[in-house]
Amino acid sequence: MTVAELLARISSAEITEWAAYEEIAGPLGPARGDIQTALVASTIANANRGKGPKAKIKDFLLTWDRRPQTWQEQLAIVKQLHARMTRKKGGDDDGETR
């Protein structure tokens, strides 16, 4: 279906609502890649395990956040990532980038 065909059948407001719902609930549709990947990962883990407990699909399944992050939480994450990427070799961090 083209974008024009889609917009003839559904409003942009409804598309926006579905996009927001997907952000909260995770991917829509029957072919969720995260479930398929978790199945493959658990199969490989179980085929290569020793005598330990069997891995379950849920052990490898992504957990979707049910609550969007605030801008303050996002800013704190960006600051942490920036600090890690700009840290000088030798462990001395004065905040300067190279």
N, C-alpha and C. Protein backbone atom coordinates (compact mmCIF):
# COMPACT_ATOMS: atom_id res chain seq x y z
N MET A 1 0.85 -1.17 0.00
CA MET A 1 0.00 0.00 0.00
C MET A 1 0.90 1.24 0.00
N THR A 2 0.57 2.18 -0.87
CA THR A 2 1.34 3.41 -0.93
C THR A 2 0.89 4.36 0.18
N VAL A 3 1.67 5.41 0.40
CA VAL A 3 1.31 6.41 1.40
C VAL A 3 0.00 7.08 1.03
N ALA A 4 -0.18 7.39 -0.25
CA ALA A 4 -1.42 8.04 -0.70
C ALA A 4 -2.63 7.14 -0.44
N GLU A 5 -2.49 5.83 -0.71
CA GLU A 5 -3.58 4.90 -0.45
C GLU A 5 -3.87 4.80 1.04
N LEU A 6 -2.81 4.78 1.83
CA LEU A 6 -2.98 4.71 3.27
C LEU A 6 -3.72 5.94 3.79
N LEU A 7 -3.29 7.12 3.35
CA LEU A 7 -3.93 8.36 3.81
C LEU A 7 -5.36 8.51 3.32
N ALA A 8 -5.70 7.83 2.22
CA ALA A 8 -7.09 7.85 1.75
C ALA A 8 -7.98 7.01 2.66
N ARG A 9 -7.39 6.05 3.36
CA ARG A 9 -8.16 5.15 4.21
C ARG A 9 -8.09 5.49 5.70
N ILE A 10 -7.05 6.20 6.10
CA ILE A 10 -6.83 6.46 7.53
C ILE A 10 -6.28 7.88 7.68
N SER A 11 -6.67 8.56 8.73
CA SER A 11 -6.21 9.94 8.92
C SER A 11 -4.80 9.96 9.50
N SER A 12 -4.12 11.06 9.31
CA SER A 12 -2.77 11.19 9.88
C SER A 12 -2.82 11.20 11.40
N ALA A 13 -3.94 11.68 11.97
CA ALA A 13 -4.09 11.67 13.43
C ALA A 13 -4.14 10.23 13.95
N GLU A 14 -4.83 9.35 13.23
CA GLU A 14 -4.90 7.95 13.66
C GLU A 14 -3.55 7.26 13.51
N ILE A 15 -2.83 7.58 12.45
CA ILE A 15 -1.48 7.02 12.26
C ILE A 15 -0.59 7.46 13.42
N THR A 16 -0.70 8.72 13.82
CA THR A 16 0.08 9.24 14.94
C THR A 16 -0.27 8.51 16.23
N GLU A 17 -1.56 8.25 16.44
CA GLU A 17 -1.98 7.51 17.64
C GLU A 17 -1.41 6.10 17.65
N TRP A 18 -1.42 5.42 16.48
CA TRP A 18 -0.86 4.07 16.42
C TRP A 18 0.65 4.10 16.66
N ALA A 19 1.33 5.11 16.14
CA ALA A 19 2.76 5.22 16.36
C ALA A 19 3.06 5.43 17.85
N ALA A 20 2.26 6.25 18.52
CA ALA A 20 2.45 6.47 19.95
C ALA A 20 2.18 5.19 20.73
N TYR A 21 1.14 4.45 20.34
CA TYR A 21 0.83 3.18 21.01
C TYR A 21 1.99 2.19 20.84
N GLU A 22 2.56 2.13 19.64
CA GLU A 22 3.66 1.21 19.38
C GLU A 22 4.90 1.57 20.21
N GLU A 23 5.12 2.87 20.43
CA GLU A 23 6.23 3.31 21.28
C GLU A 23 6.08 2.76 22.69
N ILE A 24 4.86 2.70 23.19
CA ILE A 24 4.60 2.23 24.55
C ILE A 24 4.55 0.71 24.63
N ALA A 25 3.84 0.07 23.70
CA ALA A 25 3.56 -1.36 23.78
C ALA A 25 4.57 -2.23 23.05
N GLY A 26 5.41 -1.64 22.21
CA GLY A 26 6.34 -2.43 21.42
C GLY A 26 5.80 -2.64 20.02
N PRO A 27 6.54 -3.35 19.19
CA PRO A 27 6.16 -3.52 17.78
C PRO A 27 4.80 -4.18 17.61
N LEU A 28 4.09 -3.76 16.59
CA LEU A 28 2.79 -4.33 16.27
C LEU A 28 2.95 -5.41 15.20
N GLY A 29 1.99 -6.28 15.12
CA GLY A 29 1.97 -7.25 14.04
C GLY A 29 2.40 -8.63 14.48
N PRO A 30 2.09 -9.63 13.63
CA PRO A 30 2.37 -11.03 13.99
C PRO A 30 3.84 -11.42 13.85
N ALA A 31 4.61 -10.69 13.08
CA ALA A 31 5.99 -11.09 12.82
C ALA A 31 6.96 -10.23 13.59
N ARG A 32 6.92 -10.33 14.91
CA ARG A 32 7.83 -9.54 15.73
C ARG A 32 9.22 -10.14 15.68
N GLY A 33 10.17 -9.37 15.21
CA GLY A 33 11.54 -9.85 15.09
C GLY A 33 12.20 -10.17 16.41
N ASP A 34 11.82 -9.47 17.49
CA ASP A 34 12.46 -9.73 18.78
C ASP A 34 12.08 -11.12 19.31
N ILE A 35 10.86 -11.58 19.05
CA ILE A 35 10.45 -12.91 19.49
C ILE A 35 11.18 -13.97 18.68
N GLN A 36 11.28 -13.75 17.38
CA GLN A 36 11.97 -14.71 16.52
C GLN A 36 13.45 -14.80 16.91
N THR A 37 14.07 -13.68 17.18
CA THR A 37 15.48 -13.67 17.57
C THR A 37 15.67 -14.34 18.92
N ALA A 38 14.76 -14.11 19.85
CA ALA A 38 14.86 -14.75 21.17
C ALA A 38 14.73 -16.26 21.05
N LEU A 39 13.89 -16.73 20.14
CA LEU A 39 13.73 -18.17 19.92
C LEU A 39 15.03 -18.78 19.40
N VAL A 40 15.66 -18.13 18.42
CA VAL A 40 16.93 -18.62 17.88
C VAL A 40 18.01 -18.59 18.95
N ALA A 41 18.10 -17.50 19.71
CA ALA A 41 19.12 -17.37 20.75
C ALA A 41 18.96 -18.44 21.83
N SER A 42 17.71 -18.71 22.24
CA SER A 42 17.50 -19.73 23.28
C SER A 42 17.83 -21.12 22.75
N THR A 43 17.54 -21.38 21.47
CA THR A 43 17.87 -22.67 20.87
C THR A 43 19.38 -22.88 20.83
N ILE A 44 20.11 -21.85 20.42
CA ILE A 44 21.57 -21.94 20.37
C ILE A 44 22.14 -22.12 21.77
N ALA A 45 21.63 -21.36 22.73
CA ALA A 45 22.12 -21.48 24.11
C ALA A 45 21.86 -22.88 24.66
N ASN A 46 20.69 -23.43 24.39
CA ASN A 46 20.37 -24.77 24.90
C ASN A 46 21.18 -25.85 24.20
N ALA A 47 21.48 -25.66 22.91
CA ALA A 47 22.28 -26.65 22.18
C ALA A 47 23.73 -26.66 22.68
N ASN A 48 24.19 -25.55 23.23
CA ASN A 48 25.58 -25.44 23.67
C ASN A 48 25.75 -25.42 25.18
N ARG A 49 24.69 -25.66 25.91
CA ARG A 49 24.78 -25.60 27.37
C ARG A 49 25.37 -26.89 27.91
N GLY A 50 25.88 -26.79 29.10
CA GLY A 50 26.35 -27.98 29.81
C GLY A 50 25.18 -28.64 30.51
N LYS A 51 25.37 -28.93 31.76
CA LYS A 51 24.32 -29.56 32.54
C LYS A 51 23.48 -28.54 33.29
N GLY A 52 23.65 -27.28 33.01
CA GLY A 52 22.90 -26.23 33.69
C GLY A 52 21.45 -26.21 33.26
N PRO A 53 20.69 -25.27 33.81
CA PRO A 53 19.27 -25.17 33.47
C PRO A 53 19.07 -24.73 32.02
N LYS A 54 17.95 -25.16 31.44
CA LYS A 54 17.63 -24.79 30.06
C LYS A 54 17.27 -23.31 29.98
N ALA A 55 17.74 -22.67 28.93
CA ALA A 55 17.37 -21.27 28.68
C ALA A 55 15.95 -21.23 28.14
N LYS A 56 15.25 -20.19 28.51
CA LYS A 56 13.88 -19.99 28.03
C LYS A 56 13.88 -18.81 27.07
N ILE A 57 12.88 -18.78 26.20
CA ILE A 57 12.77 -17.68 25.24
C ILE A 57 12.71 -16.34 25.99
N LYS A 58 12.00 -16.29 27.10
CA LYS A 58 11.87 -15.02 27.83
C LYS A 58 13.20 -14.52 28.38
N ASP A 59 14.20 -15.41 28.52
CA ASP A 59 15.52 -14.99 28.97
C ASP A 59 16.20 -14.09 27.93
N PHE A 60 15.79 -14.19 26.68
CA PHE A 60 16.41 -13.43 25.60
C PHE A 60 15.47 -12.39 24.99
N LEU A 61 14.27 -12.31 25.50
CA LEU A 61 13.27 -11.41 24.94
C LEU A 61 13.48 -9.99 25.44
N LEU A 62 13.37 -9.03 24.53
CA LEU A 62 13.51 -7.63 24.90
C LEU A 62 12.36 -7.21 25.80
N THR A 63 12.66 -6.31 26.73
CA THR A 63 11.63 -5.75 27.59
C THR A 63 11.35 -4.34 27.09
N TRP A 64 10.11 -4.10 26.74
CA TRP A 64 9.73 -2.78 26.23
C TRP A 64 9.31 -1.91 27.40
N ASP A 65 9.84 -0.70 27.43
CA ASP A 65 9.47 0.25 28.46
C ASP A 65 7.99 0.58 28.34
N ARG A 66 7.32 0.62 29.45
CA ARG A 66 5.91 0.98 29.45
C ARG A 66 5.72 2.47 29.71
N ARG A 67 6.78 3.14 30.15
CA ARG A 67 6.71 4.56 30.47
C ARG A 67 7.78 5.29 29.66
N PRO A 68 7.40 6.28 28.88
CA PRO A 68 8.41 7.05 28.15
C PRO A 68 9.34 7.78 29.11
N GLN A 69 10.58 7.98 28.68
CA GLN A 69 11.54 8.70 29.50
C GLN A 69 11.23 10.19 29.47
N THR A 70 11.51 10.84 30.58
CA THR A 70 11.38 12.29 30.61
C THR A 70 12.59 12.89 29.91
N TRP A 71 12.50 14.17 29.58
CA TRP A 71 13.65 14.80 28.94
C TRP A 71 14.83 14.87 29.89
N GLN A 72 14.54 14.94 31.21
CA GLN A 72 15.62 14.98 32.20
C GLN A 72 16.37 13.64 32.23
N GLU A 73 15.62 12.53 32.13
CA GLU A 73 16.26 11.21 32.10
C GLU A 73 17.09 11.04 30.83
N GLN A 74 16.56 11.51 29.71
CA GLN A 74 17.29 11.43 28.45
C GLN A 74 18.57 12.26 28.50
N LEU A 75 18.49 13.45 29.09
CA LEU A 75 19.66 14.32 29.22
C LEU A 75 20.72 13.66 30.09
N ALA A 76 20.32 13.02 31.19
CA ALA A 76 21.27 12.34 32.07
C ALA A 76 21.98 11.21 31.32
N ILE A 77 21.26 10.47 30.48
CA ILE A 77 21.87 9.39 29.70
C ILE A 77 22.87 9.96 28.70
N VAL A 78 22.50 11.05 28.03
CA VAL A 78 23.41 11.67 27.06
C VAL A 78 24.67 12.16 27.75
N LYS A 79 24.54 12.74 28.94
CA LYS A 79 25.72 13.21 29.69
C LYS A 79 26.62 12.04 30.07
N GLN A 80 26.03 10.91 30.48
CA GLN A 80 26.83 9.73 30.83
C GLN A 80 27.58 9.22 29.60
N LEU A 81 26.89 9.13 28.47
CA LEU A 81 27.54 8.66 27.25
C LEU A 81 28.65 9.61 26.82
N HIS A 82 28.39 10.90 26.90
CA HIS A 82 29.40 11.90 26.54
C HIS A 82 30.63 11.76 27.43
N ALA A 83 30.42 11.58 28.72
CA ALA A 83 31.54 11.43 29.65
C ALA A 83 32.38 10.20 29.30
N ARG A 84 31.72 9.11 28.94
CA ARG A 84 32.47 7.89 28.57
C ARG A 84 33.25 8.08 27.29
N MET A 85 32.66 8.76 26.32
CA MET A 85 33.32 8.91 25.02
C MET A 85 34.45 9.93 25.04
N THR A 86 34.42 10.86 25.98
CA THR A 86 35.45 11.90 26.00
C THR A 86 36.50 11.67 27.07
N ARG A 87 36.40 10.58 27.81
CA ARG A 87 37.36 10.27 28.86
C ARG A 87 38.74 10.05 28.26
N LYS A 88 39.75 10.68 28.86
CA LYS A 88 41.12 10.54 28.38
C LYS A 88 41.67 9.17 28.75
N LYS A 89 42.59 8.70 27.95
CA LYS A 89 43.28 7.46 28.29
C LYS A 89 44.13 7.71 29.52
N GLY A 90 44.20 6.74 30.41
CA GLY A 90 44.95 6.92 31.64
C GLY A 90 44.05 7.25 32.82
N GLY A 91 42.74 7.38 32.57
CA GLY A 91 41.78 7.56 33.66
C GLY A 91 41.63 8.97 34.17
N ASP A 92 42.38 9.95 33.64
CA ASP A 92 42.28 11.33 34.11
C ASP A 92 41.26 12.05 33.26
N ASP A 93 40.16 12.46 33.86
CA ASP A 93 39.08 13.09 33.09
C ASP A 93 38.85 14.49 33.60
N ASP A 94 39.26 15.49 32.79
CA ASP A 94 39.01 16.87 33.19
C ASP A 94 37.89 17.48 32.36
N GLY A 95 37.17 16.63 31.60
CA GLY A 95 36.06 17.11 30.81
C GLY A 95 36.43 17.62 29.44
N GLU A 96 37.74 17.69 29.14
CA GLU A 96 38.18 18.19 27.85
C GLU A 96 38.12 17.08 26.82
N THR A 97 37.75 17.43 25.58
CA THR A 97 37.74 16.44 24.50
C THR A 97 39.01 16.61 23.69
N ARG A 98 39.38 15.57 23.03
CA ARG A 98 40.58 15.63 22.18
C ARG A 98 40.20 15.66 20.74
